[in-house]
Amino acid sequence: MNLLLVALGGFIGSIARYAISLQLNKRILATWVVNISGSMFLAFLLKFNQDGMISDKIWLFLGAGFCGAYTTFSTFGNETLNLLLEKRYWKAIGYVFSSFFVSIAVVLLVLRLF
């Protein structure tokens, strides 16, 4: 049952991620938005699960499944590598640092406020 919950969540998360990439029509911006929003959503889920507000089943469906497929480190890595190969060093540096620090900041914000 747990495997099915993760799989179903992943199915929905991957579709949501693809829909956002189509809407934004820019790969790097779409990946950045998805990774930041996914980090924030995962922080809420973690807090809700720790506080007993959501069950472990919902955590598996949304946390492991949805967020696991919605956010994507592989795309982030590929886009960063492409920027470096294109000699767009400052954009690559900005992309990496803003992705990392903004993700950490939103997680800390959620965990402190809720």
Protein backbone atom coordinates (compact mmCIF):
# COMPACT_ATOMS: atom_id res chain seq x y z
CA MET A 1 0.00 0.00 0.00
CA ASN A 2 2.80 2.44 0.89
CA LEU A 3 4.48 1.91 -2.48
CA LEU A 4 1.20 2.67 -4.23
CA LEU A 5 0.76 5.90 -2.24
CA VAL A 6 4.25 7.08 -3.21
CA ALA A 7 3.67 6.10 -6.85
CA LEU A 8 0.33 7.93 -7.06
CA GLY A 9 1.79 11.02 -5.43
CA GLY A 10 4.74 10.89 -7.82
CA PHE A 11 2.39 10.60 -10.78
CA ILE A 12 0.57 13.79 -9.76
CA GLY A 13 3.79 15.60 -8.79
CA SER A 14 5.45 14.93 -12.14
CA ILE A 15 2.39 16.21 -14.01
CA ALA A 16 2.29 19.35 -11.84
CA ARG A 17 5.97 19.97 -12.49
CA TYR A 18 5.53 19.57 -16.24
CA ALA A 19 2.48 21.87 -16.26
CA ILE A 20 4.47 24.60 -14.51
CA SER A 21 7.32 24.26 -16.99
CA LEU A 22 4.83 24.71 -19.84
CA GLN A 23 3.23 27.73 -18.18
CA LEU A 24 6.52 29.50 -17.50
CA ASN A 25 8.04 28.47 -20.84
CA LYS A 26 11.52 28.90 -19.40
CA ARG A 27 13.34 25.85 -18.10
CA ILE A 28 15.56 27.53 -15.53
CA LEU A 29 12.80 29.73 -14.10
CA ALA A 30 10.38 26.80 -14.00
CA THR A 31 12.89 24.58 -12.19
CA TRP A 32 13.67 27.36 -9.73
CA VAL A 33 9.98 28.01 -8.98
CA VAL A 34 9.23 24.29 -8.62
CA ASN A 35 12.20 23.63 -6.32
CA ILE A 36 11.42 26.63 -4.08
CA SER A 37 7.68 25.93 -3.88
CA GLY A 38 8.35 22.22 -3.40
CA SER A 39 10.75 22.96 -0.54
CA MET A 40 8.13 25.14 1.11
CA PHE A 41 5.37 22.56 0.66
CA LEU A 42 7.61 19.79 1.98
CA ALA A 43 8.41 21.90 5.05
CA PHE A 44 4.69 22.33 5.76
CA LEU A 45 4.13 18.60 5.32
CA LEU A 46 7.02 17.76 7.62
CA LYS A 47 5.72 20.09 10.32
CA PHE A 48 2.15 18.81 9.96
CA ASN A 49 3.35 15.20 10.14
CA GLN A 50 5.50 15.87 13.20
CA ASP A 51 2.58 17.59 14.93
CA GLY A 52 0.22 14.71 14.11
CA MET A 53 -1.93 16.86 11.80
CA ILE A 54 -1.44 14.52 8.85
CA SER A 55 -1.01 10.75 8.88
CA ASP A 56 2.03 8.84 7.75
CA LYS A 57 0.02 7.73 4.70
CA ILE A 58 -0.58 11.34 3.65
CA TRP A 59 3.11 12.06 4.32
CA LEU A 60 4.08 9.21 1.96
CA PHE A 61 1.62 10.34 -0.71
CA LEU A 62 2.45 14.06 -0.61
CA GLY A 63 5.93 14.22 0.91
CA ALA A 64 7.74 11.27 -0.65
CA GLY A 65 5.53 10.88 -3.74
CA PHE A 66 4.32 14.28 -4.83
CA CYS A 67 7.27 16.38 -3.65
CA GLY A 68 9.77 13.75 -4.73
CA ALA A 69 8.53 13.92 -8.32
CA TYR A 70 7.58 17.60 -8.29
CA THR A 71 11.02 18.88 -7.34
CA THR A 72 13.99 17.77 -9.37
CA PHE A 73 17.67 17.85 -8.59
CA SER A 74 18.61 16.21 -11.88
CA THR A 75 17.08 19.02 -13.94
CA PHE A 76 18.70 21.59 -11.66
CA GLY A 77 22.10 19.93 -12.16
CA ASN A 78 21.65 19.68 -15.92
CA GLU A 79 20.61 23.32 -16.26
CA THR A 80 23.55 24.45 -14.13
CA LEU A 81 25.94 22.40 -16.25
CA ASN A 82 24.48 23.89 -19.43
CA LEU A 83 24.99 27.40 -18.09
CA LEU A 84 28.61 26.57 -17.29
CA LEU A 85 29.18 25.05 -20.73
CA GLU A 86 27.69 28.19 -22.28
CA LYS A 87 30.20 30.21 -20.19
CA ARG A 88 27.36 31.99 -18.38
CA TYR A 89 29.23 31.69 -15.12
CA TRP A 90 27.53 34.46 -13.17
CA LYS A 91 24.08 33.19 -14.08
CA ALA A 92 25.11 29.66 -13.04
CA ILE A 93 26.47 30.93 -9.73
CA GLY A 94 23.35 33.01 -9.10
CA TYR A 95 21.11 30.08 -10.00
CA VAL A 96 22.89 27.66 -7.67
CA PHE A 97 23.14 30.03 -4.72
CA SER A 98 19.62 31.45 -5.03
CA SER A 99 18.15 27.95 -5.39
CA PHE A 100 19.97 26.71 -2.32
CA PHE A 101 19.58 29.71 -0.05
CA VAL A 102 16.00 30.59 -0.94
CA SER A 103 14.95 26.94 -0.47
CA ILE A 104 16.59 26.82 2.95
CA ALA A 105 15.11 30.21 3.87
CA VAL A 106 11.53 29.21 3.03
CA VAL A 107 11.89 25.94 4.95
CA LEU A 108 13.22 27.79 8.00
CA LEU A 109 10.44 30.39 7.68
CA VAL A 110 7.74 27.72 7.57
CA LEU A 111 9.21 25.80 10.48
CA ARG A 112 9.54 28.96 12.60
CA LEU A 113 6.09 30.39 11.81
CA PHE A 114 4.08 27.20 12.17
